[in-house]
Amino acid sequence: MAKVAIVMGSDSDLDVMSKAAAVLEGFGIEYEMNIISAHREPDVFFKWAEGLEEKGVKVVIAGAGMAAHLPGMSAALFPLPVIGVPLKSKSLSGEDALYSIVQMPPGIPVATMAIDGGKNAGIMAAKMLAIEDPGLLAKLKDFLGKQKEEVIAKDEKLKDIGYREYISRK
């Protein structure tokens, strides 16, 4: 049973949204991923969103660019947390999607990530699920510890070889 539903309006969003999926896989969290256009197939979207709770989904990660209706409409129909991922567009660089997602009307909140923030959306979903899952919480703590170790290792390497050499090796 999927605990997280990932939805996007187009396969062009897959590069960013697959980063959320990769994080969930790393934590062993079951998910489903769908491409649904709220504009081109609203009947399909409504049926999908209204059936999520019955399927056991606890968190939705919705990516959207331009008009950005998927996160807000998901939040309007699904009673549990929705994480919005604004996607970078050619015309306004994703700022239009960011504003659309972050400026939801009162009563319909969407936790909004940075533009193209698929990875953080996956981490946020894991943190939400970890509230009631001690095993997942332990995995998150381990993940955070590994991130810290990576930064320490990079700092030590920088000190050992100097910044010019460090940059040339990247």
Protein backbone atom coordinates (compact mmCIF):
# COMPACT_ATOMS: atom_id res chain seq x y z
CA MET A 1 0.00 0.00 0.00
CA ALA A 2 1.48 3.35 -1.08
CA LYS A 3 1.94 5.82 1.75
CA VAL A 4 2.92 8.69 -0.55
CA ALA A 5 1.37 9.71 -3.85
CA ILE A 6 3.51 11.68 -6.28
CA VAL A 7 1.63 13.49 -9.01
CA MET A 8 2.70 15.74 -11.86
CA GLY A 9 0.95 17.20 -14.86
CA SER A 10 3.41 16.15 -17.56
CA ASP A 11 6.26 13.75 -18.19
CA SER A 12 8.47 16.83 -18.59
CA ASP A 13 8.22 17.11 -14.77
CA LEU A 14 9.60 13.62 -14.22
CA ASP A 15 13.23 14.66 -13.83
CA VAL A 16 12.44 16.77 -10.76
CA MET A 17 9.72 14.55 -9.31
CA SER A 18 11.84 11.41 -9.65
CA LYS A 19 14.16 12.93 -7.06
CA ALA A 20 11.32 12.71 -4.53
CA ALA A 21 10.76 9.08 -5.54
CA ALA A 22 14.46 8.28 -5.13
CA VAL A 23 14.44 9.68 -1.59
CA LEU A 24 11.33 7.68 -0.68
CA GLU A 25 12.92 4.52 -2.10
CA GLY A 26 16.04 5.20 -0.04
CA PHE A 27 13.95 5.26 3.13
CA GLY A 28 11.92 2.21 2.10
CA ILE A 29 8.68 4.19 1.77
CA GLU A 30 6.09 2.86 -0.64
CA TYR A 31 4.75 5.36 -3.15
CA GLU A 32 2.77 5.65 -6.33
CA MET A 33 3.59 8.05 -9.14
CA ASN A 34 1.10 9.45 -11.63
CA ILE A 35 0.92 11.91 -14.51
CA ILE A 36 -2.49 13.59 -14.39
CA SER A 37 -3.44 16.89 -15.96
CA ALA A 38 -5.92 18.78 -13.79
CA HIS A 39 -6.72 20.93 -16.83
CA ARG A 40 -6.97 18.31 -19.56
CA GLU A 41 -8.57 15.50 -17.55
CA PRO A 42 -10.26 16.98 -14.48
CA ASP A 43 -12.55 13.97 -14.08
CA VAL A 44 -9.53 11.65 -13.80
CA PHE A 45 -7.85 14.02 -11.34
CA PHE A 46 -10.91 14.30 -9.09
CA LYS A 47 -11.38 10.52 -8.99
CA TRP A 48 -7.68 10.01 -8.21
CA ALA A 49 -7.53 12.65 -5.45
CA GLU A 50 -10.77 11.60 -3.79
CA GLY A 51 -9.61 7.94 -3.67
CA LEU A 52 -6.22 8.53 -2.04
CA GLU A 53 -7.30 8.28 1.59
CA GLU A 54 -9.11 5.00 0.95
CA LYS A 55 -5.91 3.62 -0.62
CA GLY A 56 -3.92 4.42 2.54
CA VAL A 57 -2.00 7.40 1.19
CA LYS A 58 -0.79 9.66 4.00
CA VAL A 59 1.04 12.41 2.04
CA VAL A 60 0.78 13.82 -1.47
CA ILE A 61 3.73 15.36 -3.30
CA ALA A 62 2.37 17.41 -6.19
CA GLY A 63 4.62 19.07 -8.74
CA ALA A 64 3.37 21.79 -11.02
CA GLY A 65 4.68 24.53 -13.23
CA MET A 66 3.06 27.56 -14.76
CA ALA A 67 -0.61 27.59 -13.64
CA ALA A 68 0.28 25.19 -10.79
CA HIS A 69 -3.13 23.75 -9.97
CA LEU A 70 -2.16 20.22 -8.92
CA PRO A 71 -0.87 21.03 -5.41
CA GLY A 72 -3.76 23.31 -4.48
CA MET A 73 -6.45 21.11 -5.95
CA SER A 74 -4.87 18.09 -4.24
CA ALA A 75 -5.02 19.95 -0.92
CA ALA A 76 -8.63 20.93 -1.56
CA LEU A 77 -9.67 17.30 -2.09
CA PHE A 78 -7.24 15.31 0.13
CA PRO A 79 -7.55 15.89 3.91
CA LEU A 80 -3.96 14.95 4.82
CA PRO A 81 -0.67 16.81 4.05
CA VAL A 82 0.15 17.98 0.55
CA ILE A 83 3.65 19.07 -0.41
CA GLY A 84 3.90 21.33 -3.45
CA VAL A 85 6.92 21.40 -5.74
CA PRO A 86 6.98 24.43 -8.05
CA LEU A 87 8.63 23.48 -11.32
CA LYS A 88 10.90 25.75 -13.30
CA SER A 89 9.39 26.99 -16.54
CA LYS A 90 10.90 28.74 -19.53
CA SER A 91 8.75 31.85 -19.30
CA LEU A 92 8.96 32.84 -15.62
CA SER A 93 11.61 30.46 -14.25
CA GLY A 94 9.14 28.81 -11.88
CA GLU A 95 8.31 31.94 -9.92
CA ASP A 96 4.73 31.82 -11.19
CA ALA A 97 4.33 28.27 -9.87
CA LEU A 98 6.02 29.17 -6.58
CA TYR A 99 3.64 32.06 -5.94
CA SER A 100 0.63 30.02 -6.99
CA ILE A 101 1.49 27.17 -4.62
CA VAL A 102 2.67 29.19 -1.62
CA GLN A 103 -0.25 31.67 -1.75
CA MET A 104 -3.08 29.23 -1.11
CA PRO A 105 -6.29 30.59 0.38
CA PRO A 106 -6.89 30.19 4.13
CA GLY A 107 -7.96 26.68 5.01
CA ILE A 108 -6.19 24.97 2.08
CA PRO A 109 -2.50 24.86 3.10
CA VAL A 110 0.21 23.37 0.92
CA ALA A 111 3.72 22.81 2.31
CA THR A 112 5.76 24.48 -0.43
CA MET A 113 9.28 23.49 -1.42
CA ALA A 114 11.81 25.49 -3.41
CA ILE A 115 11.56 25.64 -7.19
CA ASP A 116 12.54 22.17 -8.51
CA GLY A 117 12.79 20.97 -4.88
CA GLY A 118 11.85 17.34 -5.53
CA LYS A 119 14.50 15.92 -3.21
CA ASN A 120 13.39 18.06 -0.28
CA ALA A 121 9.78 17.09 -0.96
CA GLY A 122 10.74 13.45 -0.51
CA ILE A 123 12.60 14.23 2.71
CA MET A 124 9.66 16.27 4.03
CA ALA A 125 7.24 13.43 3.28
CA ALA A 126 9.54 11.04 5.16
CA LYS A 127 9.64 13.43 8.13
CA MET A 128 5.85 13.64 8.17
CA LEU A 129 5.52 9.86 8.15
CA ALA A 130 8.24 9.49 10.82
CA ILE A 131 6.00 11.24 13.36
CA GLU A 132 4.33 7.88 13.95
CA ASP A 133 7.05 5.50 12.74
CA PRO A 134 10.08 5.06 15.06
CA GLY A 135 11.92 2.92 12.50
CA LEU A 136 11.62 5.62 9.85
CA LEU A 137 12.68 8.24 12.39
CA ALA A 138 15.85 6.24 13.06
CA LYS A 139 16.56 6.12 9.30
CA LEU A 140 16.10 9.90 9.09
CA LYS A 141 18.52 10.47 11.97
CA ASP A 142 21.05 8.23 10.22
CA PHE A 143 20.53 10.17 6.96
CA LEU A 144 21.13 13.48 8.76
CA GLY A 145 24.27 12.09 10.38
CA LYS A 146 25.63 10.96 7.00
CA GLN A 147 25.02 14.43 5.56
CA LYS A 148 27.02 15.93 8.42
CA GLU A 149 29.88 13.46 7.81
CA GLU A 150 29.93 14.37 4.11
CA VAL A 151 30.33 18.07 4.91
CA ILE A 152 33.10 17.36 7.43
CA ALA A 153 34.93 15.23 4.84
CA LYS A 154 34.66 17.98 2.23
CA ASP A 155 36.02 20.54 4.70
CA GLU A 156 38.97 18.29 5.54
CA LYS A 157 39.70 17.74 1.84
CA LEU A 158 39.57 21.50 1.23
CA LYS A 159 42.03 22.11 4.06
CA ASP A 160 44.35 19.35 2.79
CA ILE A 161 44.58 20.39 -0.86
CA GLY A 162 43.50 24.04 -0.97
CA TYR A 163 40.59 25.61 -2.77
CA ARG A 164 42.17 25.81 -6.26
CA GLU A 165 42.96 22.10 -6.34
CA TYR A 166 39.59 21.28 -4.76
CA ILE A 167 37.73 23.16 -7.48
CA SER A 168 39.80 21.60 -10.26
CA ARG A 169 38.86 18.09 -9.02
CA LYS A 170 35.10 18.76 -8.96
